[in-house]
PDB file of all heavy atoms in Angstrom:
ATOM      1  N   PRO A   1     -15.736   2.484   0.986  1.00  0.00           N
ATOM      2  CA  PRO A   1     -17.074   1.955   0.707  1.00  0.00           C
ATOM      3  C   PRO A   1     -17.261   0.564   1.313  1.00  0.00           C
ATOM      4  O   PRO A   1     -16.290  -0.201   1.469  1.00  0.00           O
ATOM      5  CB  PRO A   1     -17.112   1.890  -0.823  1.00  0.00           C
ATOM      6  CG  PRO A   1     -16.042   2.818  -1.289  1.00  0.00           C
ATOM      7  CD  PRO A   1     -14.972   2.779  -0.249  1.00  0.00           C
ATOM      8  N   ASP A   2     -18.495   0.230   1.628  1.00  0.00           N
ATOM      9  CA  ASP A   2     -18.792  -1.071   2.249  1.00  0.00           C
ATOM     10  C   ASP A   2     -18.310  -2.243   1.398  1.00  0.00           C
ATOM     11  O   ASP A   2     -17.869  -3.264   1.923  1.00  0.00           O
ATOM     12  CB  ASP A   2     -20.303  -1.217   2.490  1.00  0.00           C
ATOM     13  CG  ASP A   2     -20.762  -0.387   3.679  1.00  0.00           C
ATOM     14  OD1 ASP A   2     -19.898   0.057   4.465  1.00  0.00           O
ATOM     15  OD2 ASP A   2     -21.983  -0.184   3.807  1.00  0.00           O
ATOM     16  N   ASP A   3     -18.422  -2.102   0.077  1.00  0.00           N
ATOM     17  CA  ASP A   3     -18.115  -3.230  -0.801  1.00  0.00           C
ATOM     18  C   ASP A   3     -16.693  -3.164  -1.369  1.00  0.00           C
ATOM     19  O   ASP A   3     -16.356  -3.876  -2.316  1.00  0.00           O
ATOM     20  CB  ASP A   3     -19.117  -3.295  -1.959  1.00  0.00           C
ATOM     21  CG  ASP A   3     -19.119  -2.022  -2.800  1.00  0.00           C
ATOM     22  OD1 ASP A   3     -18.473  -1.026  -2.392  1.00  0.00           O
ATOM     23  OD2 ASP A   3     -19.778  -2.023  -3.861  1.00  0.00           O
ATOM     24  N   SER A   4     -15.830  -2.338  -0.793  1.00  0.00           N
ATOM     25  CA  SER A   4     -14.461  -2.208  -1.312  1.00  0.00           C
ATOM     26  C   SER A   4     -13.631  -3.458  -1.002  1.00  0.00           C
ATOM     27  O   SER A   4     -13.851  -4.146  -0.010  1.00  0.00           O
ATOM     28  CB  SER A   4     -13.784  -0.970  -0.723  1.00  0.00           C
ATOM     29  OG  SER A   4     -13.811  -1.000   0.693  1.00  0.00           O
ATOM     30  N   PHE A   5     -12.702  -3.746  -1.893  1.00  0.00           N
ATOM     31  CA  PHE A   5     -11.729  -4.831  -1.717  1.00  0.00           C
ATOM     32  C   PHE A   5     -10.450  -4.163  -1.226  1.00  0.00           C
ATOM     33  O   PHE A   5      -9.812  -3.401  -1.956  1.00  0.00           O
ATOM     34  CB  PHE A   5     -11.502  -5.558  -3.040  1.00  0.00           C
ATOM     35  CG  PHE A   5     -10.623  -6.781  -2.935  1.00  0.00           C
ATOM     36  CD1 PHE A   5     -11.181  -8.024  -2.676  1.00  0.00           C
ATOM     37  CD2 PHE A   5      -9.247  -6.684  -3.118  1.00  0.00           C
ATOM     38  CE1 PHE A   5     -10.376  -9.158  -2.591  1.00  0.00           C
ATOM     39  CE2 PHE A   5      -8.440  -7.804  -3.037  1.00  0.00           C
ATOM     40  CZ  PHE A   5      -9.003  -9.051  -2.776  1.00  0.00           C
ATOM     41  N   VAL A   6     -10.071  -4.444   0.030  1.00  0.00           N
ATOM     42  CA  VAL A   6      -9.033  -3.665   0.701  1.00  0.00           C
ATOM     43  C   VAL A   6      -7.697  -4.394   0.677  1.00  0.00           C
ATOM     44  O   VAL A   6      -7.574  -5.528   1.160  1.00  0.00           O
ATOM     45  CB  VAL A   6      -9.436  -3.353   2.156  1.00  0.00           C
ATOM     46  CG1 VAL A   6      -8.352  -2.513   2.845  1.00  0.00           C
ATOM     47  CG2 VAL A   6     -10.777  -2.618   2.181  1.00  0.00           C
ATOM     48  N   VAL A   7      -6.703  -3.718   0.108  1.00  0.00           N
ATOM     49  CA  VAL A   7      -5.331  -4.226   0.045  1.00  0.00           C
ATOM     50  C   VAL A   7      -4.487  -3.324   0.938  1.00  0.00           C
ATOM     51  O   VAL A   7      -4.256  -2.158   0.605  1.00  0.00           O
ATOM     52  CB  VAL A   7      -4.786  -4.201  -1.397  1.00  0.00           C
ATOM     53  CG1 VAL A   7      -3.365  -4.751  -1.445  1.00  0.00           C
ATOM     54  CG2 VAL A   7      -5.707  -4.989  -2.334  1.00  0.00           C
ATOM     55  N   SER A   8      -4.039  -3.836   2.086  1.00  0.00           N
ATOM     56  CA  SER A   8      -3.368  -2.993   3.074  1.00  0.00           C
ATOM     57  C   SER A   8      -1.868  -3.230   3.116  1.00  0.00           C
ATOM     58  O   SER A   8      -1.404  -4.372   3.061  1.00  0.00           O
ATOM     59  CB  SER A   8      -3.945  -3.240   4.472  1.00  0.00           C
ATOM     60  OG  SER A   8      -5.298  -2.853   4.524  1.00  0.00           O
ATOM     61  N   THR A   9      -1.132  -2.144   3.224  1.00  0.00           N
ATOM     62  CA  THR A   9       0.309  -2.180   3.427  1.00  0.00           C
ATOM     63  C   THR A   9       0.614  -1.403   4.699  1.00  0.00           C
ATOM     64  O   THR A   9       0.268  -0.220   4.802  1.00  0.00           O
ATOM     65  CB  THR A   9       1.055  -1.542   2.240  1.00  0.00           C
ATOM     66  OG1 THR A   9       0.793  -2.301   1.065  1.00  0.00           O
ATOM     67  CG2 THR A   9       2.549  -1.505   2.482  1.00  0.00           C
ATOM     68  N   ILE A  10       1.242  -2.069   5.667  1.00  0.00           N
ATOM     69  CA  ILE A  10       1.478  -1.457   6.973  1.00  0.00           C
ATOM     70  C   ILE A  10       2.980  -1.390   7.211  1.00  0.00           C
ATOM     71  O   ILE A  10       3.667  -2.417   7.185  1.00  0.00           O
ATOM     72  CB  ILE A  10       0.797  -2.264   8.092  1.00  0.00           C
ATOM     73  CG1 ILE A  10      -0.713  -2.369   7.829  1.00  0.00           C
ATOM     74  CG2 ILE A  10       1.061  -1.638   9.454  1.00  0.00           C
ATOM     75  CD1 ILE A  10      -1.435  -3.351   8.727  1.00  0.00           C
ATOM     76  N   GLY A  11       3.494  -0.186   7.439  1.00  0.00           N
ATOM     77  CA  GLY A  11       4.922  -0.050   7.694  1.00  0.00           C
ATOM     78  C   GLY A  11       5.403   1.361   7.437  1.00  0.00           C
ATOM     79  O   GLY A  11       4.685   2.209   6.900  1.00  0.00           O
ATOM     80  N   ARG A  12       6.639   1.614   7.820  1.00  0.00           N
ATOM     81  CA  ARG A  12       7.251   2.925   7.615  1.00  0.00           C
ATOM     82  C   ARG A  12       7.271   3.289   6.140  1.00  0.00           C
ATOM     83  O   ARG A  12       7.506   2.435   5.270  1.00  0.00           O
ATOM     84  CB  ARG A  12       8.671   2.919   8.157  1.00  0.00           C
ATOM     85  CG  ARG A  12       8.770   2.889   9.669  1.00  0.00           C
ATOM     86  CD  ARG A  12       8.682   4.266  10.283  1.00  0.00           C
ATOM     87  NE  ARG A  12       9.848   5.088   9.986  1.00  0.00           N
ATOM     88  CZ  ARG A  12       9.882   6.397  10.098  1.00  0.00           C
ATOM     89  NH1 ARG A  12       8.806   7.063  10.456  1.00  0.00           N
ATOM     90  NH2 ARG A  12      10.987   7.078   9.819  1.00  0.00           N
ATOM     91  N   LEU A  13       7.037   4.562   5.864  1.00  0.00           N
ATOM     92  CA  LEU A  13       7.053   5.048   4.485  1.00  0.00           C
ATOM     93  C   LEU A  13       8.494   5.395   4.112  1.00  0.00           C
ATOM     94  O   LEU A  13       8.902   6.557   4.110  1.00  0.00           O
ATOM     95  CB  LEU A  13       6.131   6.259   4.339  1.00  0.00           C
ATOM     96  CG  LEU A  13       4.666   6.031   4.736  1.00  0.00           C
ATOM     97  CD1 LEU A  13       3.860   7.307   4.535  1.00  0.00           C
ATOM     98  CD2 LEU A  13       4.049   4.870   3.965  1.00  0.00           C
ATOM     99  N   VAL A  14       9.252   4.351   3.814  1.00  0.00           N
ATOM    100  CA  VAL A  14      10.646   4.489   3.387  1.00  0.00           C
ATOM    101  C   VAL A  14      10.799   3.789   2.048  1.00  0.00           C
ATOM    102  O   VAL A  14      10.015   2.903   1.689  1.00  0.00           O
ATOM    103  CB  VAL A  14      11.622   3.906   4.431  1.00  0.00           C
ATOM    104  CG1 VAL A  14      11.602   4.728   5.712  1.00  0.00           C
ATOM    105  CG2 VAL A  14      11.296   2.445   4.741  1.00  0.00           C
ATOM    106  N   GLU A  15      11.821   4.158   1.302  1.00  0.00           N
ATOM    107  CA  GLU A  15      11.946   3.710  -0.083  1.00  0.00           C
ATOM    108  C   GLU A  15      11.946   2.192  -0.229  1.00  0.00           C
ATOM    109  O   GLU A  15      11.276   1.638  -1.108  1.00  0.00           O
ATOM    110  CB  GLU A  15      13.220   4.297  -0.700  1.00  0.00           C
ATOM    111  CG  GLU A  15      13.365   3.995  -2.186  1.00  0.00           C
ATOM    112  CD  GLU A  15      14.548   4.704  -2.808  1.00  0.00           C
ATOM    113  OE1 GLU A  15      15.249   5.447  -2.078  1.00  0.00           O
ATOM    114  OE2 GLU A  15      14.773   4.523  -4.023  1.00  0.00           O
ATOM    115  N   ILE A  16      12.701   1.507   0.642  1.00  0.00           N
ATOM    116  CA  ILE A  16      12.881   0.059   0.469  1.00  0.00           C
ATOM    117  C   ILE A  16      11.611  -0.745   0.755  1.00  0.00           C
ATOM    118  O   ILE A  16      11.579  -1.943   0.475  1.00  0.00           O
ATOM    119  CB  ILE A  16      14.027  -0.468   1.342  1.00  0.00           C
ATOM    120  CG1 ILE A  16      13.786  -0.121   2.816  1.00  0.00           C
ATOM    121  CG2 ILE A  16      15.361   0.063   0.849  1.00  0.00           C
ATOM    122  CD1 ILE A  16      14.833  -0.708   3.751  1.00  0.00           C
ATOM    123  N   LYS A  17      10.582  -0.107   1.281  1.00  0.00           N
ATOM    124  CA  LYS A  17       9.319  -0.819   1.501  1.00  0.00           C
ATOM    125  C   LYS A  17       8.503  -0.967   0.221  1.00  0.00           C
ATOM    126  O   LYS A  17       7.485  -1.658   0.206  1.00  0.00           O
ATOM    127  CB  LYS A  17       8.484  -0.123   2.579  1.00  0.00           C
ATOM    128  CG  LYS A  17       9.104  -0.164   3.971  1.00  0.00           C
ATOM    129  CD  LYS A  17       9.198  -1.585   4.514  1.00  0.00           C
ATOM    130  CE  LYS A  17       9.694  -1.601   5.951  1.00  0.00           C
ATOM    131  NZ  LYS A  17       9.811  -2.975   6.505  1.00  0.00           N
ATOM    132  N   GLY A  18       8.930  -0.305  -0.859  1.00  0.00           N
ATOM    133  CA  GLY A  18       8.326  -0.558  -2.163  1.00  0.00           C
ATOM    134  C   GLY A  18       6.998   0.105  -2.436  1.00  0.00           C
ATOM    135  O   GLY A  18       6.266  -0.313  -3.342  1.00  0.00           O
ATOM    136  N   HIS A  19       6.666   1.184  -1.710  1.00  0.00           N
ATOM    137  CA  HIS A  19       5.372   1.841  -1.930  1.00  0.00           C
ATOM    138  C   HIS A  19       5.226   2.374  -3.352  1.00  0.00           C
ATOM    139  O   HIS A  19       4.124   2.402  -3.901  1.00  0.00           O
ATOM    140  CB  HIS A  19       5.183   2.974  -0.925  1.00  0.00           C
ATOM    141  CG  HIS A  19       5.062   2.523   0.495  1.00  0.00           C
ATOM    142  ND1 HIS A  19       6.160   2.388   1.317  1.00  0.00           N
ATOM    143  CD2 HIS A  19       3.980   2.173   1.230  1.00  0.00           C
ATOM    144  CE1 HIS A  19       5.756   1.983   2.507  1.00  0.00           C
ATOM    145  NE2 HIS A  19       4.442   1.842   2.489  1.00  0.00           N
ATOM    146  N   ASP A  20       6.342   2.806  -3.945  1.00  0.00           N
ATOM    147  CA  ASP A  20       6.259   3.323  -5.312  1.00  0.00           C
ATOM    148  C   ASP A  20       5.786   2.246  -6.291  1.00  0.00           C
ATOM    149  O   ASP A  20       5.026   2.532  -7.226  1.00  0.00           O
ATOM    150  CB  ASP A  20       7.607   3.872  -5.765  1.00  0.00           C
ATOM    151  CG  ASP A  20       7.802   5.321  -5.334  1.00  0.00           C
ATOM    152  OD1 ASP A  20       7.011   6.167  -5.776  1.00  0.00           O
ATOM    153  OD2 ASP A  20       8.721   5.585  -4.541  1.00  0.00           O
ATOM    154  N   TYR A  21       6.225   1.031  -6.080  1.00  0.00           N
ATOM    155  CA  TYR A  21       5.809  -0.064  -6.956  1.00  0.00           C
ATOM    156  C   TYR A  21       4.339  -0.423  -6.721  1.00  0.00           C
ATOM    157  O   TYR A  21       3.635  -0.843  -7.644  1.00  0.00           O
ATOM    158  CB  TYR A  21       6.718  -1.276  -6.764  1.00  0.00           C
ATOM    159  CG  TYR A  21       8.143  -0.981  -7.163  1.00  0.00           C
ATOM    160  CD1 TYR A  21       9.118  -0.720  -6.201  1.00  0.00           C
ATOM    161  CD2 TYR A  21       8.512  -0.913  -8.513  1.00  0.00           C
ATOM    162  CE1 TYR A  21      10.425  -0.410  -6.560  1.00  0.00           C
ATOM    163  CE2 TYR A  21       9.818  -0.615  -8.878  1.00  0.00           C
ATOM    164  CZ  TYR A  21      10.766  -0.361  -7.904  1.00  0.00           C
ATOM    165  OH  TYR A  21      12.049  -0.041  -8.276  1.00  0.00           O
ATOM    166  N   ILE A  22       3.875  -0.224  -5.495  1.00  0.00           N
ATOM    167  CA  ILE A  22       2.453  -0.437  -5.218  1.00  0.00           C
ATOM    168  C   ILE A  22       1.615   0.625  -5.933  1.00  0.00           C
ATOM    169  O   ILE A  22       0.547   0.319  -6.479  1.00  0.00           O
ATOM    170  CB  ILE A  22       2.180  -0.425  -3.701  1.00  0.00           C
ATOM    171  CG1 ILE A  22       2.975  -1.529  -3.009  1.00  0.00           C
ATOM    172  CG2 ILE A  22       0.684  -0.603  -3.427  1.00  0.00           C
ATOM    173  CD1 ILE A  22       2.893  -1.508  -1.492  1.00  0.00           C
ATOM    174  N   LEU A  23       2.116   1.856  -5.955  1.00  0.00           N
ATOM    175  CA  LEU A  23       1.407   2.899  -6.717  1.00  0.00           C
ATOM    176  C   LEU A  23       1.379   2.553  -8.204  1.00  0.00           C
ATOM    177  O   LEU A  23       0.367   2.785  -8.881  1.00  0.00           O
ATOM    178  CB  LEU A  23       2.069   4.259  -6.502  1.00  0.00           C
ATOM    179  CG  LEU A  23       1.922   4.894  -5.112  1.00  0.00           C
ATOM    180  CD1 LEU A  23       2.524   6.301  -5.114  1.00  0.00           C
ATOM    181  CD2 LEU A  23       0.464   4.944  -4.674  1.00  0.00           C
ATOM    182  N   ASP A  24       2.475   1.988  -8.712  1.00  0.00           N
ATOM    183  CA  ASP A  24       2.473   1.542 -10.116  1.00  0.00           C
ATOM    184  C   ASP A  24       1.372   0.506 -10.342  1.00  0.00           C
ATOM    185  O   ASP A  24       0.669   0.533 -11.358  1.00  0.00           O
ATOM    186  CB  ASP A  24       3.831   0.939 -10.484  1.00  0.00           C
ATOM    187  CG  ASP A  24       4.950   1.977 -10.509  1.00  0.00           C
ATOM    188  OD1 ASP A  24       4.651   3.169 -10.569  1.00  0.00           O
ATOM    189  OD2 ASP A  24       6.130   1.555 -10.456  1.00  0.00           O
TER     190      ASP A  24
END
């Protein structure tokens, strides 16, 4: 959406990048 507040994470989808904690 035009008015969205965007929080971007750029990188390989591997465990040590912490994506699971971002989902939390």
